[in-house]
Amino acid sequence: MTSIQTIATREVYRNNWLTMREDAIRHPDGSPGIYAVIDKPSYALVMACDGDRFHLVEQFRYPLGLRRWEFPQGTAPGGDDLDPAELAALELRQETGLRASHMEVLGRLDVAPGMSSQRGWVFLATGITEGEHEREHEEQDMHSEWFSRAEVERMIRAGEITDAQSVAAWTLLLLAGR
């Protein structure tokens, strides 16, 4: 099967976290079209587990105008290309102060493949020790807490956890039999 061809591309917007581009394309049948693409670096999402407890972070999500609970996640500072496990350990330490002796890959996620190139890795972190967080300036309103498995599931069902990556990560955890 023939795929879509890129004919031309132009950058529309850029900041420290993303680039937006518009591509002129040719569909498999030869007809022209355009595609808007948001390019973001790969991210890691970390599910810190200590027995029956999971660690979540809560922060204000400006585009939604709401505070939301989710699993710690993020991209490398400055857009660096870190090993996924290193990135997961960094995000966990920065956002929560937690360190893990073991990181298990649970799977990969595509954030919004119809409009974004961003892909992520989901990790289960175990062997947890606590320390001081090292949050970035943009994360100054963030706080974190431990929740039981039952509380996390209740929060997902109640719409208190609506972050798609966090809900998908929970599904990967369940599919792994954890």
Protein backbone atom coordinates (compact mmCIF):
# COMPACT_ATOMS: atom_id res chain seq x y z
CA MET A 1 0.00 0.00 0.00
CA THR A 2 1.29 3.43 -0.91
CA SER A 3 1.68 5.90 1.93
CA ILE A 4 1.21 9.63 2.11
CA GLN A 5 4.12 11.59 0.62
CA THR A 6 5.45 14.85 2.03
CA ILE A 7 5.85 17.40 -0.77
CA ALA A 8 6.94 20.42 1.31
CA THR A 9 7.10 21.44 4.95
CA ARG A 10 7.21 24.75 6.77
CA GLU A 11 7.65 25.57 10.44
CA VAL A 12 4.71 27.55 11.78
CA TYR A 13 5.67 27.91 15.45
CA ARG A 14 8.45 26.92 17.88
CA ASN A 15 9.03 27.24 21.62
CA ASN A 16 11.06 25.32 24.22
CA TRP A 17 8.55 22.46 24.34
CA LEU A 18 7.24 21.93 20.81
CA THR A 19 7.41 22.76 17.14
CA MET A 20 4.37 23.05 14.90
CA ARG A 21 4.71 22.51 11.19
CA GLU A 22 2.43 22.42 8.18
CA ASP A 23 3.17 19.81 5.52
CA ALA A 24 1.93 19.83 1.96
CA ILE A 25 1.19 16.18 1.20
CA ARG A 26 0.13 13.87 -1.60
CA HIS A 27 -2.44 11.20 -0.74
CA PRO A 28 -2.02 7.64 -2.09
CA ASP A 29 -4.50 8.43 -4.90
CA GLY A 30 -2.36 11.43 -5.97
CA SER A 31 -4.63 14.15 -4.61
CA PRO A 32 -3.02 17.01 -2.64
CA GLY A 33 -3.63 17.88 0.98
CA ILE A 34 -2.13 19.49 4.06
CA TYR A 35 -1.24 18.14 7.47
CA ALA A 36 -0.57 20.13 10.65
CA VAL A 37 1.90 18.30 12.90
CA ILE A 38 3.01 19.07 16.44
CA ASP A 39 6.52 17.74 17.03
CA LYS A 40 7.43 17.08 20.66
CA PRO A 41 10.28 15.02 22.10
CA SER A 42 9.73 11.54 23.50
CA TYR A 43 8.57 11.38 27.10
CA ALA A 44 8.62 8.92 29.97
CA LEU A 45 5.74 8.24 32.35
CA VAL A 46 6.57 6.59 35.67
CA MET A 47 4.22 4.61 37.88
CA ALA A 48 5.98 4.46 41.25
CA CYS A 49 4.64 1.47 43.18
CA ASP A 50 5.34 0.66 46.81
CA GLY A 51 3.30 -2.38 47.81
CA ASP A 52 -0.31 -1.43 47.15
CA ARG A 53 0.46 2.30 46.85
CA PHE A 54 1.02 4.42 43.73
CA HIS A 55 2.49 7.91 43.64
CA LEU A 56 0.64 10.63 41.70
CA VAL A 57 1.36 14.30 41.08
CA GLU A 58 -1.20 17.07 40.90
CA GLN A 59 -0.72 20.33 39.07
CA PHE A 60 -2.59 23.09 37.28
CA ARG A 61 -2.98 22.27 33.59
CA TYR A 62 -3.28 25.67 31.94
CA PRO A 63 -4.97 24.58 28.67
CA LEU A 64 -7.75 22.93 30.70
CA GLY A 65 -7.88 25.59 33.42
CA LEU A 66 -7.97 22.77 35.99
CA ARG A 67 -5.78 21.02 38.51
CA ARG A 68 -5.31 17.37 37.49
CA TRP A 69 -3.87 14.22 39.07
CA GLU A 70 -1.58 12.12 36.89
CA PHE A 71 1.49 9.90 37.00
CA PRO A 72 4.83 11.73 36.85
CA GLN A 73 5.84 12.24 33.24
CA GLY A 74 7.87 14.52 31.05
CA THR A 75 10.54 15.08 28.45
CA ALA A 76 14.26 15.65 28.82
CA PRO A 77 15.44 19.15 29.68
CA GLY A 78 16.45 21.16 26.63
CA GLY A 79 15.09 18.50 24.31
CA ASP A 80 18.02 16.19 25.02
CA ASP A 81 17.65 12.62 23.78
CA LEU A 82 18.05 10.52 26.94
CA ASP A 83 17.75 6.77 27.29
CA PRO A 84 14.09 6.14 28.24
CA ALA A 85 14.97 4.55 31.60
CA GLU A 86 17.28 7.48 32.46
CA LEU A 87 14.51 9.90 31.53
CA ALA A 88 12.02 7.98 33.68
CA ALA A 89 14.38 8.08 36.68
CA LEU A 90 14.96 11.81 36.13
CA GLU A 91 11.23 12.61 35.95
CA LEU A 92 10.48 10.56 39.04
CA ARG A 93 13.24 12.27 41.04
CA GLN A 94 12.40 15.77 39.79
CA GLU A 95 8.65 15.64 40.31
CA THR A 96 8.43 13.52 43.47
CA GLY A 97 11.86 13.10 45.03
CA LEU A 98 11.45 9.33 44.73
CA ARG A 99 14.20 7.00 43.56
CA ALA A 100 13.63 3.46 42.28
CA SER A 101 16.00 0.52 42.37
CA HIS A 102 14.12 -1.12 39.48
CA MET A 103 12.42 0.30 36.36
CA GLU A 104 10.34 -2.09 34.24
CA VAL A 105 9.10 -1.06 30.80
CA LEU A 106 5.35 -1.68 30.55
CA GLY A 107 4.90 -0.35 27.03
CA ARG A 108 4.86 2.56 24.62
CA LEU A 109 2.19 5.16 23.96
CA ASP A 110 1.54 7.56 21.08
CA VAL A 111 0.04 10.72 22.54
CA ALA A 112 -2.17 11.92 19.66
CA PRO A 113 -0.94 10.24 16.45
CA GLY A 114 -3.42 12.13 14.28
CA MET A 115 -1.68 15.42 15.05
CA SER A 116 1.51 14.82 17.05
CA SER A 117 4.75 12.92 16.57
CA GLN A 118 5.23 12.51 20.33
CA ARG A 119 5.75 8.98 21.64
CA GLY A 120 6.29 7.85 25.20
CA TRP A 121 7.56 5.04 27.36
CA VAL A 122 5.65 3.75 30.39
CA PHE A 123 7.65 2.43 33.35
CA LEU A 124 6.76 0.68 36.58
CA ALA A 125 9.17 1.85 39.29
CA THR A 126 9.71 -0.35 42.34
CA GLY A 127 12.19 -0.52 45.19
CA ILE A 128 11.28 3.03 46.15
CA THR A 129 13.22 5.34 48.46
CA GLU A 130 12.07 8.85 49.28
CA GLY A 131 14.04 12.07 49.01
CA GLU A 132 13.62 15.74 48.09
CA HIS A 133 12.03 16.66 44.76
CA GLU A 134 13.95 18.71 42.19
CA ARG A 135 11.07 20.36 40.34
CA GLU A 136 11.59 22.70 37.43
CA HIS A 137 10.41 26.32 37.74
CA GLU A 138 7.29 25.53 35.67
CA GLU A 139 6.35 22.81 38.19
CA GLN A 140 6.29 25.09 41.25
CA ASP A 141 2.57 24.49 41.89
CA MET A 142 2.94 20.70 41.74
CA HIS A 143 2.47 18.44 44.73
CA SER A 144 2.43 14.68 45.06
CA GLU A 145 0.87 11.99 47.22
CA TRP A 146 0.62 8.22 47.62
CA PHE A 147 -2.71 6.55 46.81
CA SER A 148 -3.87 2.96 47.22
CA ARG A 149 -4.69 0.90 44.13
CA ALA A 150 -8.39 1.14 45.04
CA GLU A 151 -8.13 4.95 45.34
CA VAL A 152 -6.43 5.26 41.92
CA GLU A 153 -9.15 3.14 40.31
CA ARG A 154 -11.88 5.15 42.04
CA MET A 155 -10.24 8.40 40.85
CA ILE A 156 -10.14 7.15 37.25
CA ARG A 157 -13.80 6.07 37.38
CA ALA A 158 -14.83 9.37 39.04
CA GLY A 159 -13.05 11.50 36.43
CA GLU A 160 -10.49 12.83 38.91
CA ILE A 161 -7.72 11.29 36.79
CA THR A 162 -8.44 12.16 33.16
CA ASP A 163 -4.92 12.40 31.74
CA ALA A 164 -5.06 10.00 28.78
CA GLN A 165 -1.47 8.83 29.21
CA SER A 166 -2.06 8.04 32.91
CA VAL A 167 -5.24 6.09 32.16
CA ALA A 168 -3.52 4.22 29.32
CA ALA A 169 -0.54 3.49 31.59
CA TRP A 170 -2.93 2.03 34.17
CA THR A 171 -4.30 -0.24 31.45
CA LEU A 172 -0.76 -1.39 30.57
CA LEU A 173 -0.19 -2.13 34.27
CA LEU A 174 -3.34 -4.25 34.43
CA LEU A 175 -2.49 -6.06 31.19
CA ALA A 176 0.94 -6.89 32.66
CA GLY A 177 -0.88 -8.63 35.49
CA ARG A 178 0.35 -6.24 38.13
